Amino acid sequence: MIRPEMFNGIKDSLASSAAKSMIASRLHRYGKLTDLRIRSREKTISIELLLEGEEIPLNIEIESYRIMGKPGENALVIEKARASRPWLQNLVDDLVVGKPLPVPSVVLFALGKSDE
């Protein structure tokens, strides 16, 4: 019998793979997305990115997020994030934290959005 926590782990693994593929295709000009892990129950996301010309990857830990909006107009709001470089932390704080980011409907299930 599959326990709920096992289902969440499987769902998060599949969602992470799908999101990694989608995001990697948009970032290929700047570098390579080497890892992306979604933990929907905890509302966290881990991202590792190796930029062109760099030898050490960047890390971003989204420590909390929420989904807001109504069907068809949902947005991801990152409430707290931590980055591995000071300049990147400033960029994330200025341009990402607290700002609604449009989310495709297909991503909602992966992020833990429940139908209410």
N, C-alpha and C. Protein backbone atom coordinates (compact mmCIF):
# COMPACT_ATOMS: atom_id res chain seq x y z
N MET A 1 0.84 -1.18 0.00
CA MET A 1 0.00 0.00 0.00
C MET A 1 0.88 1.25 0.00
N ILE A 2 0.53 2.23 -0.81
CA ILE A 2 1.31 3.46 -0.90
C ILE A 2 0.84 4.43 0.18
N ARG A 3 1.78 4.85 1.02
CA ARG A 3 1.48 5.82 2.07
C ARG A 3 1.53 7.23 1.47
N PRO A 4 0.81 8.20 2.06
CA PRO A 4 0.79 9.57 1.51
C PRO A 4 2.17 10.18 1.34
N GLU A 5 3.08 9.92 2.29
CA GLU A 5 4.42 10.50 2.17
C GLU A 5 5.19 9.90 0.99
N MET A 6 4.91 8.63 0.68
CA MET A 6 5.54 8.01 -0.49
C MET A 6 4.99 8.65 -1.77
N PHE A 7 3.69 8.89 -1.80
CA PHE A 7 3.07 9.54 -2.95
C PHE A 7 3.66 10.92 -3.15
N ASN A 8 3.82 11.68 -2.06
CA ASN A 8 4.41 13.02 -2.17
C ASN A 8 5.82 12.95 -2.73
N GLY A 9 6.61 11.98 -2.28
CA GLY A 9 7.97 11.84 -2.78
C GLY A 9 8.02 11.52 -4.26
N ILE A 10 7.16 10.62 -4.69
CA ILE A 10 7.09 10.26 -6.12
C ILE A 10 6.63 11.45 -6.93
N LYS A 11 5.58 12.12 -6.47
CA LYS A 11 5.04 13.29 -7.17
C LYS A 11 6.11 14.38 -7.27
N ASP A 12 6.80 14.64 -6.16
CA ASP A 12 7.83 15.68 -6.15
C ASP A 12 8.98 15.33 -7.09
N SER A 13 9.35 14.07 -7.13
CA SER A 13 10.43 13.64 -8.03
C SER A 13 10.04 13.83 -9.49
N LEU A 14 8.84 13.41 -9.84
CA LEU A 14 8.36 13.60 -11.23
C LEU A 14 8.22 15.08 -11.56
N ALA A 15 7.67 15.84 -10.64
CA ALA A 15 7.49 17.28 -10.86
C ALA A 15 8.83 17.98 -11.01
N SER A 16 9.79 17.60 -10.18
CA SER A 16 11.12 18.20 -10.26
C SER A 16 11.76 17.93 -11.62
N SER A 17 11.63 16.70 -12.10
CA SER A 17 12.19 16.35 -13.41
C SER A 17 11.54 17.16 -14.53
N ALA A 18 10.21 17.26 -14.49
CA ALA A 18 9.50 18.02 -15.52
C ALA A 18 9.85 19.50 -15.45
N ALA A 19 9.89 20.06 -14.25
CA ALA A 19 10.23 21.48 -14.10
C ALA A 19 11.67 21.73 -14.53
N LYS A 20 12.57 20.81 -14.20
CA LYS A 20 13.98 20.96 -14.59
C LYS A 20 14.11 21.02 -16.10
N SER A 21 13.40 20.16 -16.78
CA SER A 21 13.44 20.15 -18.24
C SER A 21 12.91 21.46 -18.81
N MET A 22 11.79 21.95 -18.27
CA MET A 22 11.16 23.17 -18.76
C MET A 22 12.07 24.39 -18.51
N ILE A 23 12.61 24.48 -17.31
CA ILE A 23 13.44 25.63 -16.96
C ILE A 23 14.80 25.56 -17.67
N ALA A 24 15.37 24.37 -17.77
CA ALA A 24 16.67 24.21 -18.43
C ALA A 24 16.63 24.72 -19.86
N SER A 25 15.52 24.48 -20.55
CA SER A 25 15.43 24.93 -21.95
C SER A 25 15.43 26.46 -22.04
N ARG A 26 14.97 27.12 -21.00
CA ARG A 26 14.94 28.59 -21.01
C ARG A 26 16.26 29.20 -20.57
N LEU A 27 17.07 28.42 -19.85
CA LEU A 27 18.33 28.95 -19.31
C LEU A 27 19.57 28.52 -20.08
N HIS A 28 19.40 27.68 -21.09
CA HIS A 28 20.57 27.09 -21.76
C HIS A 28 21.56 28.12 -22.30
N ARG A 29 21.11 29.28 -22.66
CA ARG A 29 21.99 30.34 -23.17
C ARG A 29 22.93 30.86 -22.07
N TYR A 30 22.49 30.78 -20.82
CA TYR A 30 23.25 31.34 -19.69
C TYR A 30 24.05 30.29 -18.93
N GLY A 31 23.66 29.04 -19.08
CA GLY A 31 24.34 27.99 -18.35
C GLY A 31 23.48 26.74 -18.29
N LYS A 32 23.80 25.89 -17.34
CA LYS A 32 23.11 24.61 -17.24
C LYS A 32 22.46 24.46 -15.87
N LEU A 33 21.19 24.12 -15.88
CA LEU A 33 20.49 23.80 -14.64
C LEU A 33 20.90 22.39 -14.27
N THR A 34 21.69 22.25 -13.22
CA THR A 34 22.23 20.94 -12.87
C THR A 34 21.36 20.18 -11.88
N ASP A 35 20.53 20.88 -11.12
CA ASP A 35 19.64 20.20 -10.18
C ASP A 35 18.47 21.10 -9.82
N LEU A 36 17.32 20.49 -9.66
CA LEU A 36 16.12 21.20 -9.20
C LEU A 36 15.28 20.19 -8.43
N ARG A 37 14.97 20.52 -7.19
CA ARG A 37 14.19 19.62 -6.35
C ARG A 37 13.05 20.38 -5.69
N ILE A 38 11.86 19.90 -5.92
CA ILE A 38 10.65 20.48 -5.33
C ILE A 38 10.22 19.59 -4.17
N ARG A 39 9.95 20.19 -3.03
CA ARG A 39 9.38 19.49 -1.90
C ARG A 39 8.07 20.20 -1.55
N SER A 40 6.99 19.72 -2.18
CA SER A 40 5.71 20.42 -2.10
C SER A 40 5.13 20.46 -0.70
N ARG A 41 5.33 19.43 0.06
CA ARG A 41 4.79 19.40 1.43
C ARG A 41 5.42 20.51 2.29
N GLU A 42 6.73 20.70 2.13
CA GLU A 42 7.44 21.74 2.89
C GLU A 42 7.40 23.10 2.22
N LYS A 43 6.91 23.13 0.97
CA LYS A 43 6.86 24.37 0.17
C LYS A 43 8.27 24.95 -0.02
N THR A 44 9.20 24.06 -0.42
CA THR A 44 10.57 24.48 -0.68
C THR A 44 11.02 23.99 -2.06
N ILE A 45 12.00 24.70 -2.62
CA ILE A 45 12.58 24.33 -3.91
C ILE A 45 14.08 24.58 -3.82
N SER A 46 14.88 23.62 -4.26
CA SER A 46 16.34 23.76 -4.33
C SER A 46 16.74 23.81 -5.80
N ILE A 47 17.61 24.77 -6.13
CA ILE A 47 18.05 24.95 -7.50
C ILE A 47 19.57 25.05 -7.52
N GLU A 48 20.19 24.34 -8.46
CA GLU A 48 21.63 24.45 -8.69
C GLU A 48 21.84 24.76 -10.16
N LEU A 49 22.63 25.79 -10.44
CA LEU A 49 22.84 26.28 -11.79
C LEU A 49 24.32 26.54 -12.00
N LEU A 50 24.86 26.01 -13.10
CA LEU A 50 26.24 26.26 -13.47
C LEU A 50 26.24 27.23 -14.65
N LEU A 51 26.67 28.47 -14.40
CA LEU A 51 26.67 29.50 -15.43
C LEU A 51 27.81 29.30 -16.42
N GLU A 52 27.59 29.74 -17.66
CA GLU A 52 28.62 29.68 -18.71
C GLU A 52 29.89 30.34 -18.20
N GLY A 53 31.02 29.68 -18.37
CA GLY A 53 32.31 30.24 -18.00
C GLY A 53 32.65 30.12 -16.52
N GLU A 54 31.75 29.61 -15.72
CA GLU A 54 31.98 29.45 -14.28
C GLU A 54 32.32 28.00 -13.97
N GLU A 55 33.06 27.79 -12.90
CA GLU A 55 33.43 26.44 -12.49
C GLU A 55 32.65 25.96 -11.27
N ILE A 56 32.14 26.90 -10.49
CA ILE A 56 31.41 26.55 -9.27
C ILE A 56 29.94 26.91 -9.46
N PRO A 57 29.06 25.96 -9.22
CA PRO A 57 27.63 26.23 -9.42
C PRO A 57 27.06 27.22 -8.41
N LEU A 58 25.98 27.88 -8.81
CA LEU A 58 25.20 28.74 -7.93
C LEU A 58 24.10 27.89 -7.30
N ASN A 59 23.74 28.23 -6.08
CA ASN A 59 22.65 27.53 -5.41
C ASN A 59 21.63 28.54 -4.94
N ILE A 60 20.37 28.20 -5.14
CA ILE A 60 19.27 29.00 -4.62
C ILE A 60 18.35 28.06 -3.87
N GLU A 61 18.07 28.40 -2.64
CA GLU A 61 17.12 27.64 -1.82
C GLU A 61 15.89 28.52 -1.60
N ILE A 62 14.79 28.10 -2.17
CA ILE A 62 13.53 28.78 -1.91
C ILE A 62 13.00 28.12 -0.65
N GLU A 63 13.03 28.88 0.44
CA GLU A 63 12.71 28.33 1.75
C GLU A 63 11.22 28.32 2.05
N SER A 64 10.47 29.14 1.36
CA SER A 64 9.01 29.10 1.48
C SER A 64 8.39 29.83 0.28
N TYR A 65 7.26 29.27 -0.16
CA TYR A 65 6.51 29.88 -1.26
C TYR A 65 5.04 29.61 -1.05
N ARG A 66 4.23 30.34 -1.79
CA ARG A 66 2.79 30.11 -1.78
C ARG A 66 2.26 30.34 -3.19
N ILE A 67 1.12 29.74 -3.44
CA ILE A 67 0.43 29.93 -4.71
C ILE A 67 -0.75 30.83 -4.44
N MET A 68 -0.93 31.85 -5.25
CA MET A 68 -2.07 32.75 -5.09
C MET A 68 -2.79 32.91 -6.41
N GLY A 69 -3.99 33.41 -6.35
CA GLY A 69 -4.75 33.68 -7.56
C GLY A 69 -5.91 32.73 -7.72
N LYS A 70 -6.51 32.83 -8.87
CA LYS A 70 -7.66 31.98 -9.19
C LYS A 70 -7.31 31.13 -10.41
N PRO A 71 -8.08 30.08 -10.68
CA PRO A 71 -7.77 29.21 -11.82
C PRO A 71 -7.53 30.01 -13.10
N GLY A 72 -6.45 29.67 -13.77
CA GLY A 72 -6.09 30.35 -15.01
C GLY A 72 -5.25 31.59 -14.80
N GLU A 73 -5.18 32.08 -13.56
CA GLU A 73 -4.42 33.29 -13.25
C GLU A 73 -3.59 33.09 -11.99
N ASN A 74 -3.03 31.92 -11.82
CA ASN A 74 -2.25 31.62 -10.63
C ASN A 74 -0.85 32.19 -10.73
N ALA A 75 -0.28 32.47 -9.56
CA ALA A 75 1.08 32.99 -9.49
C ALA A 75 1.80 32.34 -8.31
N LEU A 76 3.09 32.17 -8.47
CA LEU A 76 3.95 31.69 -7.40
C LEU A 76 4.53 32.93 -6.72
N VAL A 77 4.43 32.96 -5.40
CA VAL A 77 5.04 34.06 -4.64
C VAL A 77 6.09 33.44 -3.73
N ILE A 78 7.32 33.79 -3.96
CA ILE A 78 8.42 33.30 -3.13
C ILE A 78 8.49 34.22 -1.92
N GLU A 79 8.35 33.62 -0.75
CA GLU A 79 8.33 34.40 0.48
C GLU A 79 9.71 34.56 1.10
N LYS A 80 10.55 33.52 0.94
CA LYS A 80 11.89 33.58 1.51
C LYS A 80 12.82 32.73 0.66
N ALA A 81 13.99 33.28 0.33
CA ALA A 81 14.97 32.55 -0.49
C ALA A 81 16.38 32.90 -0.04
N ARG A 82 17.26 31.95 -0.24
CA ARG A 82 18.66 32.12 0.12
C ARG A 82 19.51 31.73 -1.08
N ALA A 83 20.49 32.57 -1.43
CA ALA A 83 21.36 32.31 -2.58
C ALA A 83 22.81 32.18 -2.12
N SER A 84 23.60 31.46 -2.92
CA SER A 84 24.98 31.16 -2.54
C SER A 84 25.97 32.29 -2.82
N ARG A 85 25.56 33.33 -3.49
CA ARG A 85 26.43 34.48 -3.77
C ARG A 85 25.72 35.76 -3.32
N PRO A 86 26.46 36.69 -2.72
CA PRO A 86 25.83 37.94 -2.26
C PRO A 86 25.12 38.70 -3.38
N TRP A 87 25.73 38.80 -4.55
CA TRP A 87 25.11 39.53 -5.66
C TRP A 87 23.81 38.86 -6.09
N LEU A 88 23.81 37.53 -6.07
CA LEU A 88 22.60 36.79 -6.45
C LEU A 88 21.53 36.94 -5.38
N GLN A 89 21.94 36.95 -4.12
CA GLN A 89 20.98 37.17 -3.03
C GLN A 89 20.30 38.53 -3.21
N ASN A 90 21.08 39.55 -3.53
CA ASN A 90 20.51 40.89 -3.74
C ASN A 90 19.54 40.88 -4.92
N LEU A 91 19.91 40.21 -6.00
CA LEU A 91 19.05 40.12 -7.18
C LEU A 91 17.74 39.41 -6.85
N VAL A 92 17.84 38.30 -6.15
CA VAL A 92 16.64 37.55 -5.75
C VAL A 92 15.76 38.39 -4.84
N ASP A 93 16.37 39.05 -3.85
CA ASP A 93 15.60 39.90 -2.94
C ASP A 93 14.90 41.03 -3.66
N ASP A 94 15.60 41.67 -4.61
CA ASP A 94 15.05 42.82 -5.32
C ASP A 94 14.01 42.46 -6.37
N LEU A 95 14.21 41.35 -7.09
CA LEU A 95 13.37 41.05 -8.25
C LEU A 95 12.44 39.86 -8.11
N VAL A 96 12.64 39.04 -7.09
CA VAL A 96 11.86 37.81 -7.01
C VAL A 96 11.03 37.70 -5.73
N VAL A 97 11.65 37.88 -4.57
CA VAL A 97 10.93 37.69 -3.31
C VAL A 97 9.75 38.65 -3.21
N GLY A 98 8.58 38.08 -2.95
CA GLY A 98 7.36 38.87 -2.78
C GLY A 98 6.68 39.28 -4.06
N LYS A 99 7.28 38.99 -5.21
CA LYS A 99 6.70 39.37 -6.50
C LYS A 99 5.94 38.17 -7.09
N PRO A 100 4.69 38.36 -7.50
CA PRO A 100 3.96 37.25 -8.12
C PRO A 100 4.58 36.86 -9.47
N LEU A 101 4.90 35.58 -9.61
CA LEU A 101 5.46 35.06 -10.86
C LEU A 101 4.41 34.15 -11.49
N PRO A 102 4.00 34.42 -12.73
CA PRO A 102 2.98 33.59 -13.37
C PRO A 102 3.39 32.12 -13.38
N VAL A 103 2.43 31.25 -13.12
CA VAL A 103 2.69 29.82 -13.06
C VAL A 103 1.75 29.10 -14.02
N PRO A 104 2.30 28.32 -14.95
CA PRO A 104 1.43 27.53 -15.83
C PRO A 104 0.60 26.55 -15.00
N SER A 105 -0.62 26.31 -15.41
CA SER A 105 -1.53 25.42 -14.69
C SER A 105 -0.92 24.05 -14.44
N VAL A 106 -0.15 23.55 -15.39
CA VAL A 106 0.43 22.22 -15.26
C VAL A 106 1.41 22.13 -14.09
N VAL A 107 1.96 23.25 -13.66
CA VAL A 107 2.93 23.28 -12.59
C VAL A 107 2.26 23.30 -11.20
N LEU A 108 1.01 23.70 -11.14
CA LEU A 108 0.34 23.86 -9.85
C LEU A 108 0.32 22.60 -9.01
N PHE A 109 0.01 21.47 -9.60
CA PHE A 109 -0.02 20.21 -8.86
C PHE A 109 1.34 19.91 -8.27
N ALA A 110 2.39 20.15 -9.04
CA ALA A 110 3.75 19.88 -8.60
C ALA A 110 4.12 20.74 -7.39
N LEU A 111 3.62 21.95 -7.36
CA LEU A 111 3.95 22.87 -6.28
C LEU A 111 3.06 22.68 -5.05
N GLY A 112 2.10 21.79 -5.16
CA GLY A 112 1.27 21.50 -4.01
C GLY A 112 -0.02 22.27 -3.94
N LYS A 113 -0.43 22.86 -5.04
CA LYS A 113 -1.70 23.60 -5.08
C LYS A 113 -2.84 22.59 -5.03
N SER A 114 -3.72 22.78 -4.07
CA SER A 114 -4.88 21.90 -3.99
C SER A 114 -6.09 22.61 -4.56
N ASP A 115 -7.01 21.84 -5.09
CA ASP A 115 -8.24 22.42 -5.61
C ASP A 115 -9.14 22.76 -4.43
N GLU A 116 -9.49 24.03 -4.34
CA GLU A 116 -10.29 24.49 -3.21
C GLU A 116 -11.65 24.90 -3.68
